[in-house]
């Protein structure tokens, strides 16, 4: 059965819990969600228990139905990759402090 928003591509740079949970729901509805994380693993949800097989169940749950890529948006090469991904995206979801995204891209 077709999903309601299966033709939508979302770049998800969100962190903490509310925004990743929102993109999780969009993935549940069929969107292609590409999670973009910093290579240092700085998403604090990775540190929230309880754990299953050494991984945070919060992190696992909020990131189901998502693809994942590591990009450092302070690195010129990675910014280029990000800008290429944007060309095919319908939505960019982020919840950084105001103005942070503009500093990087």
C-alpha atoms as a PDB file:
ATOM      1  CA  UNK A   1       0.000   0.000   0.000  1.00  0.00           C
ATOM      2  CA  UNK A   2       1.410   3.446  -0.881  1.00  0.00           C
ATOM      3  CA  UNK A   3       2.389   5.659   2.035  1.00  0.00           C
ATOM      4  CA  UNK A   4       0.883   9.177   2.316  1.00  0.00           C
ATOM      5  CA  UNK A   5       4.135  11.115   1.792  1.00  0.00           C
ATOM      6  CA  UNK A   6       6.411   8.561   0.123  1.00  0.00           C
ATOM      7  CA  UNK A   7       7.526  11.062  -2.541  1.00  0.00           C
ATOM      8  CA  UNK A   8       8.942  13.532   0.014  1.00  0.00           C
ATOM      9  CA  UNK A   9      12.689  13.697   0.836  1.00  0.00           C
ATOM     10  CA  UNK A  10      13.701  15.281   4.132  1.00  0.00           C
ATOM     11  CA  UNK A  11      17.197  16.241   5.259  1.00  0.00           C
ATOM     12  CA  UNK A  12      17.134  15.933   9.026  1.00  0.00           C
ATOM     13  CA  UNK A  13      19.820  17.843  10.923  1.00  0.00           C
ATOM     14  CA  UNK A  14      17.786  17.928  14.109  1.00  0.00           C
ATOM     15  CA  UNK A  15      18.969  16.948  17.566  1.00  0.00           C
ATOM     16  CA  UNK A  16      17.791  16.448  21.142  1.00  0.00           C
ATOM     17  CA  UNK A  17      14.332  14.794  20.893  1.00  0.00           C
ATOM     18  CA  UNK A  18      11.358  16.837  19.663  1.00  0.00           C
ATOM     19  CA  UNK A  19      12.532  17.459  16.103  1.00  0.00           C
ATOM     20  CA  UNK A  20      14.003  13.945  15.606  1.00  0.00           C
ATOM     21  CA  UNK A  21      10.692  12.535  16.861  1.00  0.00           C
ATOM     22  CA  UNK A  22       8.864  14.707  14.324  1.00  0.00           C
ATOM     23  CA  UNK A  23      10.989  13.463  11.441  1.00  0.00           C
ATOM     24  CA  UNK A  24      10.530   9.913  12.765  1.00  0.00           C
ATOM     25  CA  UNK A  25       6.773  10.328  12.294  1.00  0.00           C
ATOM     26  CA  UNK A  26       7.333  11.685   8.777  1.00  0.00           C
ATOM     27  CA  UNK A  27       9.452   8.594   8.060  1.00  0.00           C
ATOM     28  CA  UNK A  28       6.655   6.414   9.442  1.00  0.00           C
ATOM     29  CA  UNK A  29       4.336   8.081   6.908  1.00  0.00           C
ATOM     30  CA  UNK A  30       6.664   7.147   4.071  1.00  0.00           C
ATOM     31  CA  UNK A  31       8.988  10.117   3.634  1.00  0.00           C
ATOM     32  CA  UNK A  32      12.615   9.409   2.808  1.00  0.00           C
ATOM     33  CA  UNK A  33      14.420  10.898   5.804  1.00  0.00           C
ATOM     34  CA  UNK A  34      18.169  11.388   5.573  1.00  0.00           C
ATOM     35  CA  UNK A  35      19.621  12.058   9.006  1.00  0.00           C
ATOM     36  CA  UNK A  36      22.733  14.222   8.930  1.00  0.00           C
ATOM     37  CA  UNK A  37      24.913  13.938  12.009  1.00  0.00           C
ATOM     38  CA  UNK A  38      28.224  15.462  13.009  1.00  0.00           C
ATOM     39  CA  UNK A  39      31.079  12.933  12.830  1.00  0.00           C
ATOM     40  CA  UNK A  40      31.919  13.386  16.525  1.00  0.00           C
ATOM     41  CA  UNK A  41      28.615  11.765  17.552  1.00  0.00           C
ATOM     42  CA  UNK A  42      27.567  14.873  19.460  1.00  0.00           C
ATOM     43  CA  UNK A  43      23.840  14.094  19.427  1.00  0.00           C
ATOM     44  CA  UNK A  44      23.150  13.916  23.175  1.00  0.00           C
ATOM     45  CA  UNK A  45      20.327  11.406  22.617  1.00  0.00           C
ATOM     46  CA  UNK A  46      23.047   8.756  22.172  1.00  0.00           C
ATOM     47  CA  UNK A  47      23.773   9.191  25.900  1.00  0.00           C
ATOM     48  CA  UNK A  48      20.207   8.753  27.171  1.00  0.00           C
ATOM     49  CA  UNK A  49      19.314   5.439  28.806  1.00  0.00           C
ATOM     50  CA  UNK A  50      17.920   2.915  28.924  1.00  0.00           C
ATOM     51  CA  UNK A  51      20.313   1.039  26.647  1.00  0.00           C
ATOM     52  CA  UNK A  52      19.896  -2.050  24.509  1.00  0.00           C
ATOM     53  CA  UNK A  53      23.032  -3.751  23.214  1.00  0.00           C
ATOM     54  CA  UNK A  54      25.027  -0.673  24.209  1.00  0.00           C
ATOM     55  CA  UNK A  55      22.848   1.786  22.278  1.00  0.00           C
ATOM     56  CA  UNK A  56      20.359   4.333  23.576  1.00  0.00           C
ATOM     57  CA  UNK A  57      16.791   3.194  23.032  1.00  0.00           C
ATOM     58  CA  UNK A  58      15.760   6.880  22.739  1.00  0.00           C
ATOM     59  CA  UNK A  59      18.247   7.347  19.904  1.00  0.00           C
ATOM     60  CA  UNK A  60      17.213   4.112  18.180  1.00  0.00           C
ATOM     61  CA  UNK A  61      13.508   4.918  18.416  1.00  0.00           C
ATOM     62  CA  UNK A  62      13.759   8.536  17.248  1.00  0.00           C
ATOM     63  CA  UNK A  63      15.862   7.526  14.260  1.00  0.00           C
ATOM     64  CA  UNK A  64      13.921   4.568  12.930  1.00  0.00           C
ATOM     65  CA  UNK A  65      12.985   4.699   9.234  1.00  0.00           C
ATOM     66  CA  UNK A  66      15.908   7.032   8.520  1.00  0.00           C
ATOM     67  CA  UNK A  67      19.026   6.843   6.420  1.00  0.00           C
ATOM     68  CA  UNK A  68      22.124   8.361   7.962  1.00  0.00           C
ATOM     69  CA  UNK A  69      25.199  10.276   6.846  1.00  0.00           C
ATOM     70  CA  UNK A  70      27.989  11.936   8.817  1.00  0.00           C
ATOM     71  CA  UNK A  71      28.854  15.486   7.729  1.00  0.00           C
ATOM     72  CA  UNK A  72      30.827  18.246   9.408  1.00  0.00           C
ATOM     73  CA  UNK A  73      29.199  21.467   8.207  1.00  0.00           C
ATOM     74  CA  UNK A  74      32.318  23.386   9.209  1.00  0.00           C
ATOM     75  CA  UNK A  75      34.313  21.433   6.605  1.00  0.00           C
ATOM     76  CA  UNK A  76      34.217  22.818   3.045  1.00  0.00           C
ATOM     77  CA  UNK A  77      34.066  19.373   1.408  1.00  0.00           C
ATOM     78  CA  UNK A  78      31.168  18.287   3.623  1.00  0.00           C
ATOM     79  CA  UNK A  79      29.309  21.561   3.017  1.00  0.00           C
ATOM     80  CA  UNK A  80      29.566  20.833  -0.721  1.00  0.00           C
ATOM     81  CA  UNK A  81      28.053  17.365  -0.164  1.00  0.00           C
ATOM     82  CA  UNK A  82      25.276  18.920   1.936  1.00  0.00           C
ATOM     83  CA  UNK A  83      24.490  21.495  -0.765  1.00  0.00           C
ATOM     84  CA  UNK A  84      24.250  18.688  -3.325  1.00  0.00           C
ATOM     85  CA  UNK A  85      21.813  16.820  -1.063  1.00  0.00           C
ATOM     86  CA  UNK A  86      19.677  19.957  -0.712  1.00  0.00           C
ATOM     87  CA  UNK A  87      19.101  20.037  -4.471  1.00  0.00           C
ATOM     88  CA  UNK A  88      16.935  16.904  -4.232  1.00  0.00           C
ATOM     89  CA  UNK A  89      15.343  17.632  -0.848  1.00  0.00           C
ATOM     90  CA  UNK A  90      11.810  18.855  -0.282  1.00  0.00           C
ATOM     91  CA  UNK A  91      12.392  19.767   3.375  1.00  0.00           C
ATOM     92  CA  UNK A  92      15.391  20.656   5.539  1.00  0.00           C
ATOM     93  CA  UNK A  93      14.664  20.168   9.227  1.00  0.00           C
ATOM     94  CA  UNK A  94      16.998  21.632  11.839  1.00  0.00           C
ATOM     95  CA  UNK A  95      16.693  22.941  15.358  1.00  0.00           C
ATOM     96  CA  UNK A  96      20.011  24.702  15.945  1.00  0.00           C
ATOM     97  CA  UNK A  97      20.282  28.011  17.744  1.00  0.00           C
ATOM     98  CA  UNK A  98      19.094  30.913  15.580  1.00  0.00           C
ATOM     99  CA  UNK A  99      21.724  31.831  12.996  1.00  0.00           C
ATOM    100  CA  UNK A 100      23.914  28.723  13.380  1.00  0.00           C
ATOM    101  CA  UNK A 101      22.891  27.171  10.059  1.00  0.00           C
ATOM    102  CA  UNK A 102      23.673  30.394   8.190  1.00  0.00           C
ATOM    103  CA  UNK A 103      27.229  30.312   9.605  1.00  0.00           C
ATOM    104  CA  UNK A 104      27.876  26.887   8.107  1.00  0.00           C
ATOM    105  CA  UNK A 105      26.282  27.061   4.642  1.00  0.00           C
END
